[in-house]
């Protein structure tokens, strides 16, 4: 949307997308997966509890298969030894931009 901003930090692998007031709405993380493990294994490895946080599989219109968190506020897609995490940054429940978030997940493409 018009007026939204993006912010990256030098040396960081995260891009934050903010609304007109500068509040973070979405974030995209680029994560290393040096062993090339499956998305489920990768998610389990980074989860503090050792349990998989994202258990629902999805495919988007660009043909990417990924996993979604149970509350549908995070999606993860992989290519090679990289995992791309797309998260709704507004907290632990869907918020006013959830439809936009779903469209981002559905159209996300890795070149």
Protein backbone atom coordinates (compact mmCIF):
# COMPACT_ATOMS: atom_id res chain seq x y z
CA UNK A 1 0.00 0.00 0.00
CA UNK A 2 0.97 3.60 -0.58
CA UNK A 3 3.00 5.07 2.23
CA UNK A 4 4.30 1.77 3.59
CA UNK A 5 8.01 1.53 4.26
CA UNK A 6 10.68 -1.14 4.25
CA UNK A 7 13.61 -1.23 6.60
CA UNK A 8 16.74 -3.33 6.61
CA UNK A 9 19.71 -3.23 8.92
CA UNK A 10 23.23 -3.54 7.53
CA UNK A 11 24.43 -7.07 8.17
CA UNK A 12 20.91 -8.30 8.93
CA UNK A 13 18.97 -10.85 6.93
CA UNK A 14 15.59 -9.37 7.89
CA UNK A 15 13.41 -6.91 6.00
CA UNK A 16 10.63 -5.20 7.96
CA UNK A 17 7.61 -3.76 6.19
CA UNK A 18 5.82 -1.01 8.09
CA UNK A 19 2.54 0.81 7.71
CA UNK A 20 2.06 4.57 7.26
CA UNK A 21 2.80 5.16 10.96
CA UNK A 22 6.02 3.14 10.77
CA UNK A 23 4.62 0.26 12.81
CA UNK A 24 5.95 -3.13 11.67
CA UNK A 25 3.33 -5.18 9.86
CA UNK A 26 5.30 -7.94 8.13
CA UNK A 27 8.84 -9.21 8.21
CA UNK A 28 10.79 -11.42 5.87
CA UNK A 29 13.75 -13.36 7.24
CA UNK A 30 16.36 -15.07 5.11
CA UNK A 31 17.80 -17.99 7.06
CA UNK A 32 20.69 -20.35 6.39
CA UNK A 33 19.93 -24.05 6.19
CA UNK A 34 23.48 -25.37 5.64
CA UNK A 35 22.56 -29.04 6.06
CA UNK A 36 19.63 -28.73 3.64
CA UNK A 37 17.20 -30.35 6.09
CA UNK A 38 13.47 -30.41 5.37
CA UNK A 39 11.37 -27.43 6.39
CA UNK A 40 9.84 -29.41 9.26
CA UNK A 41 13.28 -30.40 10.55
CA UNK A 42 14.57 -26.84 10.15
CA UNK A 43 11.59 -25.44 12.06
CA UNK A 44 12.00 -28.03 14.83
CA UNK A 45 15.72 -27.22 15.08
CA UNK A 46 15.12 -23.50 15.63
CA UNK A 47 12.09 -23.84 17.89
CA UNK A 48 12.93 -23.27 21.54
CA UNK A 49 10.68 -26.11 22.65
CA UNK A 50 11.96 -28.60 20.10
CA UNK A 51 8.45 -28.92 18.71
CA UNK A 52 7.53 -27.95 15.18
CA UNK A 53 5.81 -24.56 15.21
CA UNK A 54 4.55 -24.76 11.66
CA UNK A 55 2.66 -27.91 10.76
CA UNK A 56 0.28 -27.05 7.95
CA UNK A 57 1.59 -27.56 4.41
CA UNK A 58 0.71 -25.13 1.64
CA UNK A 59 1.45 -24.50 -2.01
CA UNK A 60 1.19 -21.05 -3.53
CA UNK A 61 0.35 -19.93 -7.05
CA UNK A 62 4.03 -19.78 -8.03
CA UNK A 63 4.35 -23.49 -7.19
CA UNK A 64 6.31 -23.16 -3.95
CA UNK A 65 5.55 -25.66 -1.22
CA UNK A 66 5.96 -24.45 2.32
CA UNK A 67 4.72 -24.76 5.85
CA UNK A 68 2.42 -22.44 7.78
CA UNK A 69 2.11 -21.85 11.49
CA UNK A 70 -1.07 -23.21 13.01
CA UNK A 71 -2.37 -19.67 13.58
CA UNK A 72 -1.47 -18.71 9.96
CA UNK A 73 0.73 -15.75 10.92
CA UNK A 74 3.98 -17.23 9.58
CA UNK A 75 4.95 -19.11 6.45
CA UNK A 76 8.24 -20.72 5.49
CA UNK A 77 9.52 -21.60 2.03
CA UNK A 78 12.88 -23.13 1.09
CA UNK A 79 15.20 -23.11 -1.87
CA UNK A 80 18.53 -24.88 -1.72
CA UNK A 81 20.19 -24.13 1.59
CA UNK A 82 18.03 -21.09 2.37
CA UNK A 83 14.72 -20.80 4.22
CA UNK A 84 12.59 -17.72 3.69
CA UNK A 85 10.32 -16.86 6.61
CA UNK A 86 7.41 -14.49 6.09
CA UNK A 87 5.78 -13.41 9.32
CA UNK A 88 2.89 -11.22 10.29
CA UNK A 89 4.62 -8.91 12.76
CA UNK A 90 1.53 -7.69 14.60
CA UNK A 91 1.68 -10.33 17.31
CA UNK A 92 0.28 -13.77 17.92
CA UNK A 93 -3.05 -13.33 16.17
CA UNK A 94 -4.17 -12.14 12.74
CA UNK A 95 -4.76 -8.42 12.55
CA UNK A 96 -6.18 -5.84 10.16
CA UNK A 97 -3.73 -6.66 7.34
CA UNK A 98 -4.19 -10.41 7.41
CA UNK A 99 -5.73 -10.52 3.90
CA UNK A 100 -2.66 -8.68 2.58
CA UNK A 101 -0.44 -11.17 4.39
CA UNK A 102 -2.29 -14.10 2.78
CA UNK A 103 -1.79 -12.47 -0.64
CA UNK A 104 1.95 -12.12 0.05
CA UNK A 105 2.19 -15.80 0.99
CA UNK A 106 0.22 -16.81 -2.10
CA UNK A 107 2.36 -14.77 -4.51
CA UNK A 108 5.82 -15.18 -2.92
CA UNK A 109 8.38 -16.21 -5.55
CA UNK A 110 12.01 -17.22 -5.15
CA UNK A 111 14.16 -16.39 -8.16
